[in-house]
């Protein structure tokens, strides 16, 4: 299981990216919200969608969930 975070700052397309704790693109402390431990990015993105309807996986660390 890995710790996941969602970026509180939307990207240009409106997506809030979901990252693992060890991702090189993990946002700084002020721009991320903890999602907790998850088996995979799918459950982490589902959790993020409770807050941000346009949540998406990071292309680098959560590629299986990266849609746009």
PDB file of N, CA and C in Angstrom:
ATOM      1  N   UNK A   1       0.837  -1.183   0.000  1.00  0.00           N
ATOM      2  CA  UNK A   1       0.000   0.000   0.000  1.00  0.00           C
ATOM      3  C   UNK A   1       0.880   1.244   0.000  1.00  0.00           C
ATOM      4  N   UNK A   2       0.362   2.270  -0.634  1.00  0.00           N
ATOM      5  CA  UNK A   2       1.109   3.523  -0.731  1.00  0.00           C
ATOM      6  C   UNK A   2       0.253   4.680  -0.226  1.00  0.00           C
ATOM      7  N   UNK A   3       0.934   5.721   0.230  1.00  0.00           N
ATOM      8  CA  UNK A   3       0.261   6.972   0.591  1.00  0.00           C
ATOM      9  C   UNK A   3       0.022   7.773  -0.676  1.00  0.00           C
ATOM     10  N   UNK A   4      -1.187   8.307  -0.795  1.00  0.00           N
ATOM     11  CA  UNK A   4      -1.556   9.123  -1.953  1.00  0.00           C
ATOM     12  C   UNK A   4      -1.997  10.505  -1.504  1.00  0.00           C
ATOM     13  N   UNK A   5      -1.810  11.459  -2.415  1.00  0.00           N
ATOM     14  CA  UNK A   5      -2.197  12.850  -2.197  1.00  0.00           C
ATOM     15  C   UNK A   5      -2.850  13.375  -3.469  1.00  0.00           C
ATOM     16  N   UNK A   6      -3.725  14.356  -3.297  1.00  0.00           N
ATOM     17  CA  UNK A   6      -4.309  15.031  -4.449  1.00  0.00           C
ATOM     18  C   UNK A   6      -3.857  16.488  -4.429  1.00  0.00           C
ATOM     19  N   UNK A   7      -3.541  16.991  -5.602  1.00  0.00           N
ATOM     20  CA  UNK A   7      -3.138  18.387  -5.742  1.00  0.00           C
ATOM     21  C   UNK A   7      -4.376  19.264  -5.580  1.00  0.00           C
ATOM     22  N   UNK A   8      -4.328  20.215  -4.677  1.00  0.00           N
ATOM     23  CA  UNK A   8      -5.469  21.103  -4.441  1.00  0.00           C
ATOM     24  C   UNK A   8      -5.557  22.196  -5.500  1.00  0.00           C
ATOM     25  N   UNK A   9      -4.497  22.354  -6.278  1.00  0.00           N
ATOM     26  CA  UNK A   9      -4.478  23.322  -7.374  1.00  0.00           C
ATOM     27  C   UNK A   9      -4.792  22.579  -8.678  1.00  0.00           C
ATOM     28  N   UNK A  10      -5.849  22.992  -9.353  1.00  0.00           N
ATOM     29  CA  UNK A  10      -6.221  22.345 -10.610  1.00  0.00           C
ATOM     30  C   UNK A  10      -5.211  22.665 -11.704  1.00  0.00           C
ATOM     31  N   UNK A  11      -5.053  21.726 -12.627  1.00  0.00           N
ATOM     32  CA  UNK A  11      -4.233  21.957 -13.810  1.00  0.00           C
ATOM     33  C   UNK A  11      -5.011  22.828 -14.788  1.00  0.00           C
ATOM     34  N   UNK A  12      -4.379  23.195 -15.882  1.00  0.00           N
ATOM     35  CA  UNK A  12      -5.016  24.039 -16.899  1.00  0.00           C
ATOM     36  C   UNK A  12      -6.334  23.454 -17.406  1.00  0.00           C
ATOM     37  N   UNK A  13      -6.462  22.111 -17.415  1.00  0.00           N
ATOM     38  CA  UNK A  13      -7.677  21.464 -17.912  1.00  0.00           C
ATOM     39  C   UNK A  13      -8.714  21.210 -16.814  1.00  0.00           C
ATOM     40  N   UNK A  14      -8.424  21.648 -15.600  1.00  0.00           N
ATOM     41  CA  UNK A  14      -9.362  21.495 -14.494  1.00  0.00           C
ATOM     42  C   UNK A  14      -9.143  20.253 -13.646  1.00  0.00           C
ATOM     43  N   UNK A  15      -8.227  19.372 -14.048  1.00  0.00           N
ATOM     44  CA  UNK A  15      -7.950  18.150 -13.292  1.00  0.00           C
ATOM     45  C   UNK A  15      -7.156  18.441 -12.020  1.00  0.00           C
ATOM     46  N   UNK A  16      -7.452  17.677 -10.989  1.00  0.00           N
ATOM     47  CA  UNK A  16      -6.670  17.666  -9.753  1.00  0.00           C
ATOM     48  C   UNK A  16      -5.926  16.334  -9.762  1.00  0.00           C
ATOM     49  N   UNK A  17      -4.610  16.381  -9.925  1.00  0.00           N
ATOM     50  CA  UNK A  17      -3.827  15.154 -10.066  1.00  0.00           C
ATOM     51  C   UNK A  17      -3.590  14.458  -8.740  1.00  0.00           C
ATOM     52  N   UNK A  18      -3.646  13.133  -8.804  1.00  0.00           N
ATOM     53  CA  UNK A  18      -3.384  12.264  -7.660  1.00  0.00           C
ATOM     54  C   UNK A  18      -1.957  11.726  -7.785  1.00  0.00           C
ATOM     55  N   UNK A  19      -1.193  11.842  -6.699  1.00  0.00           N
ATOM     56  CA  UNK A  19       0.219  11.441  -6.680  1.00  0.00           C
ATOM     57  C   UNK A  19       0.498  10.493  -5.516  1.00  0.00           C
ATOM     58  N   UNK A  20       1.518   9.670  -5.678  1.00  0.00           N
ATOM     59  CA  UNK A  20       2.037   8.884  -4.563  1.00  0.00           C
ATOM     60  C   UNK A  20       2.971   9.781  -3.751  1.00  0.00           C
ATOM     61  N   UNK A  21       3.224   9.392  -2.522  1.00  0.00           N
ATOM     62  CA  UNK A  21       4.070  10.185  -1.627  1.00  0.00           C
ATOM     63  C   UNK A  21       5.500  10.311  -2.141  1.00  0.00           C
ATOM     64  N   UNK A  22       5.948   9.354  -2.965  1.00  0.00           N
ATOM     65  CA  UNK A  22       7.328   9.382  -3.447  1.00  0.00           C
ATOM     66  C   UNK A  22       7.451   9.930  -4.879  1.00  0.00           C
ATOM     67  N   UNK A  23       6.390  10.526  -5.402  1.00  0.00           N
ATOM     68  CA  UNK A  23       6.413  11.057  -6.767  1.00  0.00           C
ATOM     69  C   UNK A  23       7.281  12.313  -6.849  1.00  0.00           C
ATOM     70  N   UNK A  24       8.036  12.423  -7.913  1.00  0.00           N
ATOM     71  CA  UNK A  24       8.873  13.608  -8.109  1.00  0.00           C
ATOM     72  C   UNK A  24       8.034  14.850  -8.360  1.00  0.00           C
ATOM     73  N   UNK A  25       6.759  14.680  -8.736  1.00  0.00           N
ATOM     74  CA  UNK A  25       5.874  15.812  -8.995  1.00  0.00           C
ATOM     75  C   UNK A  25       4.874  16.060  -7.871  1.00  0.00           C
ATOM     76  N   UNK A  26       5.086  15.455  -6.721  1.00  0.00           N
ATOM     77  CA  UNK A  26       4.220  15.671  -5.563  1.00  0.00           C
ATOM     78  C   UNK A  26       4.205  17.163  -5.221  1.00  0.00           C
ATOM     79  N   UNK A  27       3.011  17.755  -5.128  1.00  0.00           N
ATOM     80  CA  UNK A  27       2.945  19.184  -4.787  1.00  0.00           C
ATOM     81  C   UNK A  27       3.469  19.460  -3.381  1.00  0.00           C
ATOM     82  N   UNK A  28       3.825  20.710  -3.139  1.00  0.00           N
ATOM     83  CA  UNK A  28       4.286  21.121  -1.818  1.00  0.00           C
ATOM     84  C   UNK A  28       3.188  20.988  -0.775  1.00  0.00           C
ATOM     85  N   UNK A  29       3.564  21.082   0.477  1.00  0.00           N
ATOM     86  CA  UNK A  29       2.632  20.889   1.597  1.00  0.00           C
ATOM     87  C   UNK A  29       1.377  21.750   1.516  1.00  0.00           C
ATOM     88  N   UNK A  30       1.502  22.956   1.021  1.00  0.00           N
ATOM     89  CA  UNK A  30       0.356  23.868   0.968  1.00  0.00           C
ATOM     90  C   UNK A  30      -0.587  23.572  -0.190  1.00  0.00           C
ATOM     91  N   UNK A  31      -0.143  22.745  -1.133  1.00  0.00           N
ATOM     92  CA  UNK A  31      -0.944  22.476  -2.328  1.00  0.00           C
ATOM     93  C   UNK A  31      -1.344  21.011  -2.481  1.00  0.00           C
ATOM     94  N   UNK A  32      -1.430  20.305  -1.378  1.00  0.00           N
ATOM     95  CA  UNK A  32      -1.838  18.905  -1.476  1.00  0.00           C
ATOM     96  C   UNK A  32      -2.728  18.516  -0.304  1.00  0.00           C
ATOM     97  N   UNK A  33      -3.566  17.527  -0.556  1.00  0.00           N
ATOM     98  CA  UNK A  33      -4.463  16.985   0.461  1.00  0.00           C
ATOM     99  C   UNK A  33      -4.205  15.487   0.554  1.00  0.00           C
ATOM    100  N   UNK A  34      -4.005  14.997   1.763  1.00  0.00           N
ATOM    101  CA  UNK A  34      -3.740  13.578   1.972  1.00  0.00           C
ATOM    102  C   UNK A  34      -4.989  12.748   1.674  1.00  0.00           C
ATOM    103  N   UNK A  35      -4.776  11.650   0.964  1.00  0.00           N
ATOM    104  CA  UNK A  35      -5.857  10.708   0.667  1.00  0.00           C
ATOM    105  C   UNK A  35      -5.723   9.411   1.463  1.00  0.00           C
ATOM    106  N   UNK A  36      -4.591   9.248   2.134  1.00  0.00           N
ATOM    107  CA  UNK A  36      -4.362   8.057   2.947  1.00  0.00           C
ATOM    108  C   UNK A  36      -3.724   6.923   2.166  1.00  0.00           C
ATOM    109  N   UNK A  37      -3.712   5.761   2.789  1.00  0.00           N
ATOM    110  CA  UNK A  37      -3.120   4.564   2.186  1.00  0.00           C
ATOM    111  C   UNK A  37      -4.121   3.890   1.257  1.00  0.00           C
ATOM    112  N   UNK A  38      -3.622   3.488   0.083  1.00  0.00           N
ATOM    113  CA  UNK A  38      -4.466   2.803  -0.904  1.00  0.00           C
ATOM    114  C   UNK A  38      -3.667   1.690  -1.563  1.00  0.00           C
ATOM    115  N   UNK A  39      -4.373   0.646  -1.963  1.00  0.00           N
ATOM    116  CA  UNK A  39      -3.760  -0.480  -2.674  1.00  0.00           C
ATOM    117  C   UNK A  39      -3.278  -0.068  -4.065  1.00  0.00           C
ATOM    118  N   UNK A  40      -4.018   0.876  -4.677  1.00  0.00           N
ATOM    119  CA  UNK A  40      -3.691   1.280  -6.039  1.00  0.00           C
ATOM    120  C   UNK A  40      -4.235   2.684  -6.305  1.00  0.00           C
ATOM    121  N   UNK A  41      -3.887   3.210  -7.469  1.00  0.00           N
ATOM    122  CA  UNK A  41      -4.306   4.569  -7.805  1.00  0.00           C
ATOM    123  C   UNK A  41      -5.808   4.673  -8.026  1.00  0.00           C
ATOM    124  N   UNK A  42      -6.449   3.598  -8.436  1.00  0.00           N
ATOM    125  CA  UNK A  42      -7.887   3.651  -8.703  1.00  0.00           C
ATOM    126  C   UNK A  42      -8.679   4.016  -7.459  1.00  0.00           C
ATOM    127  N   UNK A  43      -8.363   3.394  -6.347  1.00  0.00           N
ATOM    128  CA  UNK A  43      -9.081   3.725  -5.115  1.00  0.00           C
ATOM    129  C   UNK A  43      -8.707   5.114  -4.617  1.00  0.00           C
ATOM    130  N   UNK A  44      -7.467   5.532  -4.861  1.00  0.00           N
ATOM    131  CA  UNK A  44      -7.044   6.878  -4.458  1.00  0.00           C
ATOM    132  C   UNK A  44      -7.771   7.942  -5.283  1.00  0.00           C
ATOM    133  N   UNK A  45      -7.915   7.725  -6.581  1.00  0.00           N
ATOM    134  CA  UNK A  45      -8.634   8.671  -7.438  1.00  0.00           C
ATOM    135  C   UNK A  45     -10.103   8.724  -7.038  1.00  0.00           C
ATOM    136  N   UNK A  46     -10.682   7.580  -6.731  1.00  0.00           N
ATOM    137  CA  UNK A  46     -12.071   7.549  -6.267  1.00  0.00           C
ATOM    138  C   UNK A  46     -12.230   8.376  -5.004  1.00  0.00           C
ATOM    139  N   UNK A  47     -11.288   8.250  -4.085  1.00  0.00           N
ATOM    140  CA  UNK A  47     -11.301   9.050  -2.848  1.00  0.00           C
ATOM    141  C   UNK A  47     -11.169  10.537  -3.166  1.00  0.00           C
ATOM    142  N   UNK A  48     -10.270  10.880  -4.079  1.00  0.00           N
ATOM    143  CA  UNK A  48     -10.070  12.282  -4.452  1.00  0.00           C
ATOM    144  C   UNK A  48     -11.326  12.883  -5.071  1.00  0.00           C
ATOM    145  N   UNK A  49     -12.091  12.072  -5.784  1.00  0.00           N
ATOM    146  CA  UNK A  49     -13.316  12.562  -6.437  1.00  0.00           C
ATOM    147  C   UNK A  49     -14.410  12.920  -5.437  1.00  0.00           C
ATOM    148  N   UNK A  50     -14.251  12.507  -4.184  1.00  0.00           N
ATOM    149  CA  UNK A  50     -15.181  12.948  -3.144  1.00  0.00           C
ATOM    150  C   UNK A  50     -15.042  14.451  -2.895  1.00  0.00           C
ATOM    151  N   UNK A  51     -13.876  14.999  -3.194  1.00  0.00           N
ATOM    152  CA  UNK A  51     -13.614  16.427  -3.023  1.00  0.00           C
ATOM    153  C   UNK A  51     -13.552  17.163  -4.359  1.00  0.00           C
ATOM    154  N   UNK A  52     -12.887  16.549  -5.325  1.00  0.00           N
ATOM    155  CA  UNK A  52     -12.681  17.170  -6.641  1.00  0.00           C
ATOM    156  C   UNK A  52     -13.245  16.240  -7.719  1.00  0.00           C
ATOM    157  N   UNK A  53     -14.333  16.637  -8.341  1.00  0.00           N
ATOM    158  CA  UNK A  53     -14.980  15.769  -9.333  1.00  0.00           C
ATOM    159  C   UNK A  53     -14.072  15.455 -10.518  1.00  0.00           C
ATOM    160  N   UNK A  54     -13.155  16.359 -10.815  1.00  0.00           N
ATOM    161  CA  UNK A  54     -12.216  16.128 -11.920  1.00  0.00           C
ATOM    162  C   UNK A  54     -10.848  15.724 -11.380  1.00  0.00           C
ATOM    163  N   UNK A  55     -10.786  14.594 -10.721  1.00  0.00           N
ATOM    164  CA  UNK A  55      -9.518  14.045 -10.235  1.00  0.00           C
ATOM    165  C   UNK A  55      -8.996  13.055 -11.270  1.00  0.00           C
ATOM    166  N   UNK A  56      -7.679  12.983 -11.392  1.00  0.00           N
ATOM    167  CA  UNK A  56      -7.034  12.140 -12.391  1.00  0.00           C
ATOM    168  C   UNK A  56      -5.675  11.711 -11.852  1.00  0.00           C
ATOM    169  N   UNK A  57      -5.193  10.575 -12.303  1.00  0.00           N
ATOM    170  CA  UNK A  57      -3.895  10.095 -11.863  1.00  0.00           C
ATOM    171  C   UNK A  57      -2.745  10.823 -12.542  1.00  0.00           C
ATOM    172  N   UNK A  58      -1.662  10.965 -11.836  1.00  0.00           N
ATOM    173  CA  UNK A  58      -0.438  11.549 -12.376  1.00  0.00           C
ATOM    174  C   UNK A  58       0.138  10.613 -13.437  1.00  0.00           C
ATOM    175  N   UNK A  59       0.576  11.187 -14.550  1.00  0.00           N
ATOM    176  CA  UNK A  59       1.150  10.387 -15.644  1.00  0.00           C
ATOM    177  C   UNK A  59       2.408   9.639 -15.209  1.00  0.00           C
ATOM    178  N   UNK A  60       3.143  10.189 -14.254  1.00  0.00           N
ATOM    179  CA  UNK A  60       4.401   9.592 -13.801  1.00  0.00           C
ATOM    180  C   UNK A  60       4.209   8.497 -12.760  1.00  0.00           C
ATOM    181  N   UNK A  61       3.476   8.801 -11.693  1.00  0.00           N
ATOM    182  CA  UNK A  61       3.394   7.853 -10.571  1.00  0.00           C
ATOM    183  C   UNK A  61       2.089   7.062 -10.521  1.00  0.00           C
ATOM    184  N   UNK A  62       1.063   7.503 -11.248  1.00  0.00           N
ATOM    185  CA  UNK A  62      -0.249   6.829 -11.241  1.00  0.00           C
ATOM    186  C   UNK A  62      -0.752   6.695 -12.670  1.00  0.00           C
ATOM    187  N   UNK A  63       0.115   6.224 -13.536  1.00  0.00           N
ATOM    188  CA  UNK A  63      -0.173   6.179 -14.970  1.00  0.00           C
ATOM    189  C   UNK A  63      -1.409   5.336 -15.309  1.00  0.00           C
ATOM    190  N   UNK A  64      -1.673   4.291 -14.554  1.00  0.00           N
ATOM    191  CA  UNK A  64      -2.848   3.457 -14.815  1.00  0.00           C
ATOM    192  C   UNK A  64      -4.143   4.260 -14.681  1.00  0.00           C
ATOM    193  N   UNK A  65      -4.099   5.357 -13.961  1.00  0.00           N
ATOM    194  CA  UNK A  65      -5.283   6.184 -13.721  1.00  0.00           C
ATOM    195  C   UNK A  65      -5.222   7.514 -14.452  1.00  0.00           C
ATOM    196  N   UNK A  66      -4.221   7.695 -15.281  1.00  0.00           N
ATOM    197  CA  UNK A  66      -4.060   8.947 -16.017  1.00  0.00           C
ATOM    198  C   UNK A  66      -4.920   8.898 -17.276  1.00  0.00           C
ATOM    199  N   UNK A  67      -5.931   9.764 -17.322  1.00  0.00           N
ATOM    200  CA  UNK A  67      -6.864   9.783 -18.456  1.00  0.00           C
ATOM    201  C   UNK A  67      -6.701  11.004 -19.343  1.00  0.00           C
ATOM    202  N   UNK A  68      -6.325  12.133 -18.730  1.00  0.00           N
ATOM    203  CA  UNK A  68      -6.237  13.357 -19.542  1.00  0.00           C
ATOM    204  C   UNK A  68      -5.041  14.201 -19.144  1.00  0.00           C
TER     205      UNK A  68
END
